[in-house]
Amino acid sequence: MPNKLKVEYVNIDTIQMSSKNAKLHPQEQIDQIKLSIQRNEFNDPIAVRNGVIIEGHGRYLACKELGIKEVPIIRLDHLTEAQANEYMLVHNQLTLNSGYDLEKLEYALDEIDYDMTNYGFELPEDDEEIEDTEEDLFEDIEKLDKHYGVPYQRKQIKNSRYNYKYTSHR
């Protein structure tokens, strides 16, 4: 039976970053997280084991900089130290292992009345840059097809405000 997670709120000074966290959090990313929290509130609890952060280091740093004193957490005290270390790496890696369905992404971005470049989405300079981005994307997809044997969708990226760096599995 899976562990039942419970969100609780704790003083931010009662938790600490893990010295084993290998994920980098440059200031640009922390600023993006801060902006997200300011615009959308804090909606993703920090996972801790015995007071040490397993996942959520970036959110923790953003909250510290924003002066937020109380943060939502989930306790993963049931994990062994080895499991916690594994989960710390797995949680970060799994988000990197996929991309976007470009049609859905384009639709979603076009529906948002906010400059999403603040979160790292890139605006193309002109139509030529969009075509260059498509060529680079398709070359990368062909490499992935050959290396992993995984078919990827090939989408046209035209008439959109943003450059897309990713594509999705079929």
C-alpha atoms as a PDB file:
ATOM      1  CA  MET A   1       0.000   0.000   0.000  1.00  0.00           C
ATOM      2  CA  PRO A   2       1.434   3.420  -0.933  1.00  0.00           C
ATOM      3  CA  ASN A   3       2.453   5.897   1.722  1.00  0.00           C
ATOM      4  CA  LYS A   4      -0.277   8.478   2.381  1.00  0.00           C
ATOM      5  CA  LEU A   5       1.254  11.906   1.987  1.00  0.00           C
ATOM      6  CA  LYS A   6       0.074  14.765   4.148  1.00  0.00           C
ATOM      7  CA  VAL A   7       0.897  18.395   3.479  1.00  0.00           C
ATOM      8  CA  GLU A   8       1.879  20.360   6.549  1.00  0.00           C
ATOM      9  CA  TYR A   9       3.231  23.861   7.046  1.00  0.00           C
ATOM     10  CA  VAL A  10       6.498  24.417   8.908  1.00  0.00           C
ATOM     11  CA  ASN A  11       8.813  27.302   9.685  1.00  0.00           C
ATOM     12  CA  ILE A  12      11.335  27.470   6.837  1.00  0.00           C
ATOM     13  CA  ASP A  13      14.197  27.562   9.360  1.00  0.00           C
ATOM     14  CA  THR A  14      13.296  24.048  10.581  1.00  0.00           C
ATOM     15  CA  ILE A  15      14.341  22.458   7.278  1.00  0.00           C
ATOM     16  CA  GLN A  16      17.694  22.518   5.531  1.00  0.00           C
ATOM     17  CA  MET A  17      19.167  21.851   2.121  1.00  0.00           C
ATOM     18  CA  SER A  18      20.812  18.492   1.491  1.00  0.00           C
ATOM     19  CA  SER A  19      24.563  18.545   0.982  1.00  0.00           C
ATOM     20  CA  LYS A  20      24.015  15.650  -1.447  1.00  0.00           C
ATOM     21  CA  ASN A  21      21.795  17.604  -3.842  1.00  0.00           C
ATOM     22  CA  ALA A  22      23.476  17.513  -7.255  1.00  0.00           C
ATOM     23  CA  LYS A  23      20.922  19.733  -9.020  1.00  0.00           C
ATOM     24  CA  LEU A  24      22.157  23.211  -9.831  1.00  0.00           C
ATOM     25  CA  HIS A  25      19.947  26.210  -9.128  1.00  0.00           C
ATOM     26  CA  PRO A  26      21.383  29.291 -10.822  1.00  0.00           C
ATOM     27  CA  GLN A  27      20.070  32.681  -9.733  1.00  0.00           C
ATOM     28  CA  GLU A  28      18.112  33.026 -12.997  1.00  0.00           C
ATOM     29  CA  GLN A  29      16.109  29.911 -12.119  1.00  0.00           C
ATOM     30  CA  ILE A  30      15.576  31.044  -8.522  1.00  0.00           C
ATOM     31  CA  ASP A  31      14.252  34.353  -9.879  1.00  0.00           C
ATOM     32  CA  GLN A  32      11.845  32.431 -12.143  1.00  0.00           C
ATOM     33  CA  ILE A  33      10.632  30.349  -9.202  1.00  0.00           C
ATOM     34  CA  LYS A  34      10.153  33.513  -7.137  1.00  0.00           C
ATOM     35  CA  LEU A  35       8.117  35.059  -9.946  1.00  0.00           C
ATOM     36  CA  SER A  36       5.994  31.912 -10.211  1.00  0.00           C
ATOM     37  CA  ILE A  37       5.326  31.924  -6.463  1.00  0.00           C
ATOM     38  CA  GLN A  38       4.436  35.619  -6.545  1.00  0.00           C
ATOM     39  CA  ARG A  39       2.074  35.179  -9.516  1.00  0.00           C
ATOM     40  CA  ASN A  40       0.592  31.755  -8.730  1.00  0.00           C
ATOM     41  CA  GLU A  41       1.262  31.210  -5.007  1.00  0.00           C
ATOM     42  CA  PHE A  42       3.205  28.272  -3.548  1.00  0.00           C
ATOM     43  CA  ASN A  43       1.509  25.155  -4.924  1.00  0.00           C
ATOM     44  CA  ASP A  44       4.205  22.462  -4.781  1.00  0.00           C
ATOM     45  CA  PRO A  45       5.274  21.257  -1.323  1.00  0.00           C
ATOM     46  CA  ILE A  46       8.929  20.665  -0.493  1.00  0.00           C
ATOM     47  CA  ALA A  47       9.736  17.007   0.257  1.00  0.00           C
ATOM     48  CA  VAL A  48      11.828  16.444   3.379  1.00  0.00           C
ATOM     49  CA  ARG A  49      13.263  13.488   5.235  1.00  0.00           C
ATOM     50  CA  ASN A  50      14.156  14.106   8.867  1.00  0.00           C
ATOM     51  CA  GLY A  51      14.256  17.856   8.235  1.00  0.00           C
ATOM     52  CA  VAL A  52      16.544  17.614   5.187  1.00  0.00           C
ATOM     53  CA  ILE A  53      15.214  18.543   1.756  1.00  0.00           C
ATOM     54  CA  ILE A  54      14.984  15.681  -0.745  1.00  0.00           C
ATOM     55  CA  GLU A  55      13.285  17.673  -3.505  1.00  0.00           C
ATOM     56  CA  GLY A  56      12.384  21.321  -3.633  1.00  0.00           C
ATOM     57  CA  HIS A  57      15.768  22.975  -3.116  1.00  0.00           C
ATOM     58  CA  GLY A  58      14.988  25.660  -5.705  1.00  0.00           C
ATOM     59  CA  ARG A  59      11.631  26.452  -4.100  1.00  0.00           C
ATOM     60  CA  TYR A  60      13.346  26.609  -0.696  1.00  0.00           C
ATOM     61  CA  LEU A  61      15.938  29.112  -1.975  1.00  0.00           C
ATOM     62  CA  ALA A  62      13.208  31.195  -3.654  1.00  0.00           C
ATOM     63  CA  CYS A  63      11.157  31.281  -0.440  1.00  0.00           C
ATOM     64  CA  LYS A  64      14.202  32.304   1.574  1.00  0.00           C
ATOM     65  CA  GLU A  65      14.842  35.196  -0.814  1.00  0.00           C
ATOM     66  CA  LEU A  66      11.161  36.211  -0.721  1.00  0.00           C
ATOM     67  CA  GLY A  67      11.164  36.195   3.068  1.00  0.00           C
ATOM     68  CA  ILE A  68       8.481  33.495   3.284  1.00  0.00           C
ATOM     69  CA  LYS A  69       8.599  32.103   6.818  1.00  0.00           C
ATOM     70  CA  GLU A  70       6.161  29.184   6.556  1.00  0.00           C
ATOM     71  CA  VAL A  71       6.343  26.640   3.720  1.00  0.00           C
ATOM     72  CA  PRO A  72       4.314  23.564   2.782  1.00  0.00           C
ATOM     73  CA  ILE A  73       6.169  20.264   3.078  1.00  0.00           C
ATOM     74  CA  ILE A  74       5.536  16.573   2.753  1.00  0.00           C
ATOM     75  CA  ARG A  75       7.505  14.257   5.016  1.00  0.00           C
ATOM     76  CA  LEU A  76       9.242  11.289   3.453  1.00  0.00           C
ATOM     77  CA  ASP A  77      10.662   9.990   6.731  1.00  0.00           C
ATOM     78  CA  HIS A  78       9.651   6.460   5.747  1.00  0.00           C
ATOM     79  CA  LEU A  79      12.447   6.376   3.131  1.00  0.00           C
ATOM     80  CA  THR A  80      15.835   4.991   4.038  1.00  0.00           C
ATOM     81  CA  GLU A  81      18.818   7.276   3.454  1.00  0.00           C
ATOM     82  CA  ALA A  82      19.683   5.301   0.313  1.00  0.00           C
ATOM     83  CA  GLN A  83      16.107   5.603  -0.977  1.00  0.00           C
ATOM     84  CA  ALA A  84      16.068   9.335  -0.236  1.00  0.00           C
ATOM     85  CA  ASN A  85      19.335   9.822  -2.142  1.00  0.00           C
ATOM     86  CA  GLU A  86      17.979   7.816  -5.065  1.00  0.00           C
ATOM     87  CA  TYR A  87      14.697   9.737  -5.101  1.00  0.00           C
ATOM     88  CA  MET A  88      16.559  13.056  -4.980  1.00  0.00           C
ATOM     89  CA  LEU A  89      18.343  12.170  -8.221  1.00  0.00           C
ATOM     90  CA  VAL A  90      15.397  10.429  -9.868  1.00  0.00           C
ATOM     91  CA  HIS A  91      12.974  13.286  -9.175  1.00  0.00           C
ATOM     92  CA  ASN A  92      15.262  15.790 -10.869  1.00  0.00           C
ATOM     93  CA  GLN A  93      16.182  13.549 -13.800  1.00  0.00           C
ATOM     94  CA  LEU A  94      12.664  12.452 -14.696  1.00  0.00           C
ATOM     95  CA  THR A  95      11.615  16.025 -15.428  1.00  0.00           C
ATOM     96  CA  LEU A  96      14.435  16.215 -17.971  1.00  0.00           C
ATOM     97  CA  ASN A  97      13.449  12.972 -19.719  1.00  0.00           C
ATOM     98  CA  SER A  98      10.494  14.328 -21.645  1.00  0.00           C
ATOM     99  CA  GLY A  99       9.479  17.212 -23.799  1.00  0.00           C
ATOM    100  CA  TYR A 100       6.354  18.969 -24.970  1.00  0.00           C
ATOM    101  CA  ASP A 101       3.567  18.143 -27.347  1.00  0.00           C
ATOM    102  CA  LEU A 102       4.203  21.183 -29.489  1.00  0.00           C
ATOM    103  CA  GLU A 103       0.621  21.680 -30.665  1.00  0.00           C
ATOM    104  CA  LYS A 104      -0.675  21.674 -27.103  1.00  0.00           C
ATOM    105  CA  LEU A 105       2.187  23.854 -25.913  1.00  0.00           C
ATOM    106  CA  GLU A 106       1.627  26.409 -28.649  1.00  0.00           C
ATOM    107  CA  TYR A 107      -2.100  26.520 -27.865  1.00  0.00           C
ATOM    108  CA  ALA A 108      -1.453  26.861 -24.123  1.00  0.00           C
ATOM    109  CA  LEU A 109       1.109  29.621 -24.576  1.00  0.00           C
ATOM    110  CA  ASP A 110      -1.113  31.546 -26.958  1.00  0.00           C
ATOM    111  CA  GLU A 111      -3.956  31.427 -24.396  1.00  0.00           C
ATOM    112  CA  ILE A 112      -1.809  32.950 -21.636  1.00  0.00           C
ATOM    113  CA  ASP A 113      -1.894  36.724 -21.416  1.00  0.00           C
ATOM    114  CA  TYR A 114       1.561  37.020 -19.834  1.00  0.00           C
ATOM    115  CA  ASP A 115       5.110  37.222 -21.163  1.00  0.00           C
ATOM    116  CA  MET A 116       6.270  33.628 -20.681  1.00  0.00           C
ATOM    117  CA  THR A 117       9.859  34.522 -21.636  1.00  0.00           C
ATOM    118  CA  ASN A 118      10.119  35.354 -17.931  1.00  0.00           C
ATOM    119  CA  TYR A 119      10.092  31.574 -17.357  1.00  0.00           C
ATOM    120  CA  GLY A 120      12.570  30.667 -20.081  1.00  0.00           C
ATOM    121  CA  PHE A 121      10.344  30.317 -23.143  1.00  0.00           C
ATOM    122  CA  GLU A 122      12.104  32.034 -26.018  1.00  0.00           C
ATOM    123  CA  LEU A 123      10.649  34.381 -28.580  1.00  0.00           C
ATOM    124  CA  PRO A 124      12.026  33.960 -32.097  1.00  0.00           C
ATOM    125  CA  GLU A 125      13.630  37.036 -33.631  1.00  0.00           C
ATOM    126  CA  ASP A 126      11.994  36.429 -37.026  1.00  0.00           C
ATOM    127  CA  ASP A 127      10.590  33.730 -39.331  1.00  0.00           C
ATOM    128  CA  GLU A 128      14.117  32.678 -40.342  1.00  0.00           C
ATOM    129  CA  GLU A 129      14.975  31.904 -36.724  1.00  0.00           C
ATOM    130  CA  ILE A 130      11.830  29.761 -36.460  1.00  0.00           C
ATOM    131  CA  GLU A 131      12.956  27.789 -39.519  1.00  0.00           C
ATOM    132  CA  ASP A 132      16.484  27.407 -38.068  1.00  0.00           C
ATOM    133  CA  THR A 133      14.997  26.189 -34.784  1.00  0.00           C
ATOM    134  CA  GLU A 134      12.912  23.635 -36.688  1.00  0.00           C
ATOM    135  CA  GLU A 135      15.990  22.349 -38.543  1.00  0.00           C
ATOM    136  CA  ASP A 136      18.008  22.000 -35.324  1.00  0.00           C
ATOM    137  CA  LEU A 137      15.074  20.261 -33.645  1.00  0.00           C
ATOM    138  CA  PHE A 138      14.603  17.799 -36.482  1.00  0.00           C
ATOM    139  CA  GLU A 139      18.346  16.996 -36.524  1.00  0.00           C
ATOM    140  CA  ASP A 140      18.236  16.302 -32.783  1.00  0.00           C
ATOM    141  CA  ILE A 141      15.147  14.125 -33.246  1.00  0.00           C
ATOM    142  CA  GLU A 142      16.877  12.059 -35.911  1.00  0.00           C
ATOM    143  CA  LYS A 143      19.816  11.483 -33.538  1.00  0.00           C
ATOM    144  CA  LEU A 144      17.399  10.372 -30.804  1.00  0.00           C
ATOM    145  CA  ASP A 145      15.596   8.071 -33.243  1.00  0.00           C
ATOM    146  CA  LYS A 146      18.882   6.396 -34.176  1.00  0.00           C
ATOM    147  CA  HIS A 147      20.317   6.200 -30.669  1.00  0.00           C
ATOM    148  CA  TYR A 148      17.228   5.088 -28.732  1.00  0.00           C
ATOM    149  CA  GLY A 149      15.061   3.665 -31.474  1.00  0.00           C
ATOM    150  CA  VAL A 150      12.209   5.838 -30.194  1.00  0.00           C
ATOM    151  CA  PRO A 151      10.007   7.535 -32.785  1.00  0.00           C
ATOM    152  CA  TYR A 152       9.413  11.206 -32.099  1.00  0.00           C
ATOM    153  CA  GLN A 153       6.741  13.469 -33.508  1.00  0.00           C
ATOM    154  CA  ARG A 154       7.826  16.008 -36.041  1.00  0.00           C
ATOM    155  CA  LYS A 155       5.767  19.161 -35.703  1.00  0.00           C
ATOM    156  CA  GLN A 156       5.762  22.362 -37.685  1.00  0.00           C
ATOM    157  CA  ILE A 157       6.593  25.324 -35.473  1.00  0.00           C
ATOM    158  CA  LYS A 158       5.121  28.275 -37.311  1.00  0.00           C
ATOM    159  CA  ASN A 159       3.037  31.304 -36.469  1.00  0.00           C
ATOM    160  CA  SER A 160       3.817  31.108 -32.782  1.00  0.00           C
ATOM    161  CA  ARG A 161       5.321  33.645 -30.438  1.00  0.00           C
ATOM    162  CA  TYR A 162       7.773  31.189 -28.899  1.00  0.00           C
ATOM    163  CA  ASN A 163      10.663  28.938 -29.894  1.00  0.00           C
ATOM    164  CA  TYR A 164      10.254  25.353 -28.789  1.00  0.00           C
ATOM    165  CA  LYS A 165      13.255  23.235 -27.956  1.00  0.00           C
ATOM    166  CA  TYR A 166      11.416  19.979 -27.333  1.00  0.00           C
ATOM    167  CA  THR A 167       9.127  17.508 -28.976  1.00  0.00           C
ATOM    168  CA  SER A 168       7.194  14.582 -27.594  1.00  0.00           C
ATOM    169  CA  HIS A 169       6.990  10.839 -27.949  1.00  0.00           C
ATOM    170  CA  ARG A 170       4.479   9.455 -30.381  1.00  0.00           C
END
